[in-house]
Amino acid sequence: MNKENTMPLTTCEVQTLDSAHYMHPFTDHKALAAKGARVITRGEGVYIWDSEGNKIIDGMAGLWCVNIGYGRTELGDVAKAQMDQLAYYNTFFQTSHVPAIALAAKIAELAPGDLNHVFFAGSGSEANDTNIRMVRHYWATLGQPERTVIISRNNAYHGSTMCGASLGGMSGMHAQGGLPIPGIVHIEQPYHFALAPDQDKDAFGIEAAGWLEQKILEVGPEKVAAFIGEPIQGAGGVIIPPKTYWPEIQRICDKYG
């Protein structure tokens, strides 16, 4: 084995165990079994190494989440210190702890406008599930419990749970389990290159944002709770909407509350 590989088993042995026992997400398992997984053994900076010693630039940053690079030992040090002091405690029942308070305060300091409260979740899927519960509870608290419908977009990605996959607009995920769940509807994505390549981009941005207003009127403004959208559609193809899109989306959201 290459010196870069610290595995006690050979690549072939690990691939055999992987194929026999590990279920990969978003994977053709027949192809995986035939070819075998690329086994990643370590990372440093923007690079990762596989079990054969190949050094690879990780352009995806893990799954777009290792933004500060691999091998940051100072993060391991502070994580260990916190685990030694207090590995976990819940914040239910009028209880809190300093790390959660400090992080929430820092996020509030950095966030724009009046975004000054933070709710933590274990993943993006959980966060978006919680978004649905929160926004529906918000409207119920204001005396409008009928405002429950969430509008999302085709080809969006908002997670892999039942609610998260429903918010997302990917047909392959919707085919798994009869999704989307009731109360979630979709509009077309603002993909200028695919939908209107000959149209002026700014004009297309206004038109694409207008699809939200059309859907609000179709559903009924009194039934719509929220619109959700990725600023840049990541998993859908790194789709960047025209610069006119989001200001018009905001105007429409403000118009209908």
Protein backbone atom coordinates (compact mmCIF):
# COMPACT_ATOMS: atom_id res chain seq x y z
CA MET A 1 0.00 0.00 0.00
CA ASN A 2 1.10 3.58 -0.63
CA LYS A 3 2.46 5.43 2.40
CA GLU A 4 -0.44 7.89 2.08
CA ASN A 5 -2.83 5.07 2.96
CA THR A 6 -3.22 4.31 6.66
CA MET A 7 -5.86 1.59 6.27
CA PRO A 8 -5.13 -1.80 7.88
CA LEU A 9 -6.80 -3.52 4.91
CA THR A 10 -6.13 -3.38 1.19
CA THR A 11 -8.28 -1.25 -1.08
CA CYS A 12 -9.91 -4.36 -2.53
CA GLU A 13 -10.76 -5.69 0.93
CA VAL A 14 -12.29 -2.39 2.00
CA GLN A 15 -14.26 -2.14 -1.26
CA THR A 16 -15.65 -5.63 -0.67
CA LEU A 17 -16.81 -4.69 2.83
CA ASP A 18 -18.24 -1.44 1.48
CA SER A 19 -20.25 -3.23 -1.20
CA ALA A 20 -21.50 -5.84 1.26
CA HIS A 21 -22.62 -3.55 4.08
CA TYR A 22 -22.66 0.17 3.41
CA MET A 23 -25.63 1.88 1.73
CA HIS A 24 -24.53 4.96 -0.24
CA PRO A 25 -26.88 7.87 -0.95
CA PHE A 26 -27.44 9.04 -4.54
CA THR A 27 -25.61 6.04 -5.95
CA ASP A 28 -26.16 3.36 -8.59
CA HIS A 29 -25.38 0.36 -6.38
CA LYS A 30 -25.02 -2.06 -9.29
CA ALA A 31 -22.34 0.13 -10.82
CA LEU A 32 -20.74 0.60 -7.42
CA ALA A 33 -20.57 -3.15 -6.83
CA ALA A 34 -19.04 -3.71 -10.26
CA LYS A 35 -16.44 -0.96 -10.05
CA GLY A 36 -15.86 -0.51 -6.33
CA ALA A 37 -15.85 2.73 -4.36
CA ARG A 38 -12.99 5.18 -4.34
CA VAL A 39 -11.92 5.05 -0.70
CA ILE A 40 -10.84 8.41 0.73
CA THR A 41 -8.35 8.15 3.58
CA ARG A 42 -7.36 11.69 4.54
CA GLY A 43 -7.51 15.37 3.65
CA GLU A 44 -5.35 18.45 3.98
CA GLY A 45 -6.23 21.93 2.74
CA VAL A 46 -8.03 21.58 -0.59
CA TYR A 47 -6.64 18.08 -1.19
CA ILE A 48 -7.84 14.58 -0.39
CA TRP A 49 -6.01 11.28 -0.79
CA ASP A 50 -7.51 7.93 -1.71
CA SER A 51 -6.43 4.47 -0.58
CA GLU A 52 -4.14 4.11 -3.59
CA GLY A 53 -2.23 7.27 -2.68
CA ASN A 54 -3.75 9.48 -5.38
CA LYS A 55 -3.78 13.17 -4.42
CA ILE A 56 -6.96 14.88 -5.58
CA ILE A 57 -8.18 18.50 -5.53
CA ASP A 58 -11.57 18.41 -3.83
CA GLY A 59 -13.52 20.94 -5.88
CA MET A 60 -16.76 20.05 -4.08
CA ALA A 61 -15.35 20.69 -0.59
CA GLY A 62 -16.79 17.42 0.69
CA LEU A 63 -20.42 18.10 -0.11
CA TRP A 64 -19.93 21.88 -0.35
CA CYS A 65 -19.42 22.06 3.41
CA VAL A 66 -15.65 21.91 4.04
CA ASN A 67 -15.30 25.59 3.19
CA ILE A 68 -12.20 26.18 5.32
CA GLY A 69 -10.33 23.10 4.12
CA TYR A 70 -9.24 19.79 5.61
CA GLY A 71 -6.76 19.12 8.37
CA ARG A 72 -7.57 22.13 10.55
CA THR A 73 -6.08 20.78 13.76
CA GLU A 74 -7.17 23.82 15.76
CA LEU A 75 -10.78 22.80 15.18
CA GLY A 76 -10.03 19.33 16.50
CA ASP A 77 -8.41 20.88 19.55
CA VAL A 78 -11.38 23.07 20.47
CA ALA A 79 -13.80 20.22 19.72
CA LYS A 80 -11.89 17.94 22.08
CA ALA A 81 -11.80 20.61 24.79
CA GLN A 82 -15.57 21.06 24.56
CA MET A 83 -16.19 17.31 24.52
CA ASP A 84 -14.05 16.96 27.63
CA GLN A 85 -15.95 19.74 29.43
CA LEU A 86 -19.53 19.11 28.23
CA ALA A 87 -20.14 16.79 25.30
CA TYR A 88 -23.89 17.39 25.11
CA TYR A 89 -26.86 18.78 26.91
CA ASN A 90 -30.32 19.66 25.65
CA THR A 91 -31.74 23.17 25.64
CA PHE A 92 -35.30 22.13 26.42
CA PHE A 93 -37.11 22.99 29.66
CA GLN A 94 -35.66 26.48 30.23
CA THR A 95 -32.09 25.18 30.03
CA SER A 96 -29.14 26.52 28.04
CA HIS A 97 -25.35 26.33 27.82
CA VAL A 98 -22.58 28.73 26.90
CA PRO A 99 -21.49 27.30 23.49
CA ALA A 100 -25.02 27.53 22.05
CA ILE A 101 -25.51 31.02 23.47
CA ALA A 102 -22.15 32.26 22.19
CA LEU A 103 -22.65 30.84 18.69
CA ALA A 104 -26.18 32.23 18.41
CA ALA A 105 -24.97 35.65 19.50
CA LYS A 106 -22.12 35.59 16.97
CA ILE A 107 -24.43 34.59 14.11
CA ALA A 108 -26.85 37.36 15.09
CA GLU A 109 -23.95 39.82 15.06
CA LEU A 110 -22.95 38.79 11.53
CA ALA A 111 -26.44 38.39 10.06
CA PRO A 112 -28.02 41.32 8.18
CA GLY A 113 -31.00 43.39 9.22
CA ASP A 114 -33.13 42.16 12.07
CA LEU A 115 -32.12 38.49 11.78
CA ASN A 116 -31.23 38.16 15.44
CA HIS A 117 -32.57 34.80 16.63
CA VAL A 118 -31.05 31.39 15.85
CA PHE A 119 -32.44 27.85 16.00
CA PHE A 120 -29.87 25.07 15.63
CA ALA A 121 -30.48 21.77 13.84
CA GLY A 122 -28.34 18.73 13.13
CA SER A 123 -28.53 19.01 9.33
CA GLY A 124 -29.97 21.06 6.51
CA SER A 125 -32.81 18.56 6.09
CA GLU A 126 -33.77 18.93 9.75
CA ALA A 127 -33.49 22.70 9.49
CA ASN A 128 -35.90 22.81 6.57
CA ASP A 129 -38.33 20.44 8.27
CA THR A 130 -38.26 22.83 11.21
CA ASN A 131 -38.79 25.78 8.85
CA ILE A 132 -42.12 24.28 7.81
CA ARG A 133 -43.24 23.77 11.39
CA MET A 134 -42.12 27.24 12.43
CA VAL A 135 -43.75 29.14 9.59
CA ARG A 136 -47.05 27.30 9.98
CA HIS A 137 -46.98 27.89 13.73
CA TYR A 138 -46.17 31.55 13.07
CA TRP A 139 -49.30 32.04 10.98
CA ALA A 140 -51.43 30.08 13.43
CA THR A 141 -50.20 32.33 16.23
CA LEU A 142 -51.28 35.35 14.17
CA GLY A 143 -54.76 33.88 13.82
CA GLN A 144 -54.31 32.63 10.23
CA PRO A 145 -53.92 28.84 10.63
CA GLU A 146 -55.08 28.26 7.06
CA ARG A 147 -51.78 29.67 5.74
CA THR A 148 -49.93 26.36 5.42
CA VAL A 149 -48.83 26.04 1.77
CA ILE A 150 -45.11 26.32 1.00
CA ILE A 151 -44.04 27.31 -2.52
CA SER A 152 -40.70 25.97 -3.76
CA ARG A 153 -39.10 25.50 -7.18
CA ASN A 154 -38.51 22.72 -9.66
CA ASN A 155 -35.04 21.17 -9.54
CA ALA A 156 -34.35 22.66 -6.11
CA TYR A 157 -32.64 20.74 -3.33
CA HIS A 158 -33.67 21.27 0.29
CA GLY A 159 -32.75 17.95 1.90
CA SER A 160 -33.45 14.23 1.91
CA THR A 161 -36.08 13.81 4.62
CA MET A 162 -39.75 13.51 3.65
CA CYS A 163 -40.31 17.24 4.13
CA GLY A 164 -36.92 18.29 2.77
CA ALA A 165 -37.26 16.16 -0.36
CA SER A 166 -40.79 17.46 -0.84
CA LEU A 167 -39.57 21.05 -0.66
CA GLY A 168 -36.96 20.12 -3.23
CA GLY A 169 -38.16 19.86 -6.78
CA MET A 170 -36.24 16.84 -8.03
CA SER A 171 -38.42 14.31 -9.80
CA GLY A 172 -36.15 11.38 -8.93
CA MET A 173 -36.55 12.08 -5.23
CA HIS A 174 -40.28 12.68 -5.56
CA ALA A 175 -40.62 9.22 -7.09
CA GLN A 176 -39.36 7.68 -3.85
CA GLY A 177 -42.25 7.45 -1.42
CA GLY A 178 -45.03 9.36 -3.12
CA LEU A 179 -43.61 12.85 -2.69
CA PRO A 180 -44.20 15.72 -2.39
CA ILE A 181 -46.29 15.62 0.75
CA PRO A 182 -49.48 17.73 0.75
CA GLY A 183 -49.11 21.45 1.26
CA ILE A 184 -45.99 21.93 -0.86
CA VAL A 185 -46.18 23.19 -4.46
CA HIS A 186 -43.56 24.20 -7.01
CA ILE A 187 -42.86 26.79 -9.67
CA GLU A 188 -40.33 26.68 -12.50
CA GLN A 189 -36.68 27.38 -11.75
CA PRO A 190 -35.03 30.62 -13.00
CA TYR A 191 -32.73 28.82 -15.44
CA HIS A 192 -32.10 31.33 -18.21
CA PHE A 193 -29.70 29.15 -20.22
CA ALA A 194 -32.16 26.24 -20.51
CA LEU A 195 -35.50 28.03 -20.60
CA ALA A 196 -34.94 31.28 -22.50
CA PRO A 197 -31.38 31.57 -23.85
CA ASP A 198 -32.39 34.15 -26.46
CA GLN A 199 -34.23 36.39 -24.00
CA ASP A 200 -32.61 39.32 -22.22
CA LYS A 201 -31.39 38.03 -18.84
CA ASP A 202 -32.83 40.86 -16.78
CA ALA A 203 -36.20 40.56 -18.49
CA PHE A 204 -36.16 36.81 -17.90
CA GLY A 205 -35.38 37.38 -14.22
CA ILE A 206 -38.49 39.53 -13.83
CA GLU A 207 -40.59 37.01 -15.74
CA ALA A 208 -39.30 34.06 -13.71
CA ALA A 209 -40.01 35.86 -10.45
CA GLY A 210 -43.51 36.51 -11.73
CA TRP A 211 -44.17 32.77 -11.69
CA LEU A 212 -44.22 33.05 -7.90
CA GLU A 213 -47.02 35.61 -8.00
CA GLN A 214 -48.96 33.46 -10.44
CA LYS A 215 -48.69 30.48 -8.08
CA ILE A 216 -49.69 32.57 -5.06
CA LEU A 217 -52.83 33.70 -6.87
CA GLU A 218 -53.52 30.14 -8.05
CA VAL A 219 -53.26 28.71 -4.53
CA GLY A 220 -54.84 31.73 -2.85
CA PRO A 221 -52.80 34.31 -0.92
CA GLU A 222 -54.75 33.48 2.21
CA LYS A 223 -53.39 29.90 2.07
CA VAL A 224 -49.71 30.58 1.32
CA ALA A 225 -47.32 30.44 4.26
CA ALA A 226 -43.92 30.95 2.63
CA PHE A 227 -41.68 30.73 -0.41
CA ILE A 228 -38.36 28.89 -0.14
CA GLY A 229 -35.48 29.07 -2.61
CA GLU A 230 -31.73 28.58 -2.78
CA PRO A 231 -29.93 31.84 -3.65
CA ILE A 232 -27.90 29.68 -6.05
CA GLN A 233 -29.30 26.25 -6.92
CA GLY A 234 -26.46 23.94 -5.93
CA ALA A 235 -27.39 20.31 -6.52
CA GLY A 236 -29.66 21.38 -9.36
CA GLY A 237 -26.67 22.45 -11.43
CA VAL A 238 -25.18 25.57 -9.81
CA ILE A 239 -27.84 27.74 -11.41
CA ILE A 240 -27.37 31.46 -10.78
CA PRO A 241 -30.54 33.48 -11.42
CA PRO A 242 -30.41 36.85 -13.21
CA LYS A 243 -29.69 39.83 -10.96
CA THR A 244 -33.27 41.05 -11.31
CA TYR A 245 -34.75 37.84 -9.93
CA TRP A 246 -34.35 38.08 -6.16
CA PRO A 247 -35.35 41.75 -5.77
CA GLU A 248 -38.57 40.97 -7.63
CA ILE A 249 -39.14 37.84 -5.53
CA GLN A 250 -38.75 39.99 -2.40
CA ARG A 251 -41.23 42.55 -3.75
CA ILE A 252 -43.80 39.82 -4.39
CA CYS A 253 -43.29 38.27 -0.95
CA ASP A 254 -43.72 41.69 0.68
CA LYS A 255 -46.86 42.32 -1.36
CA TYR A 256 -48.61 39.18 -0.15
CA GLY A 257 -47.17 39.08 3.36
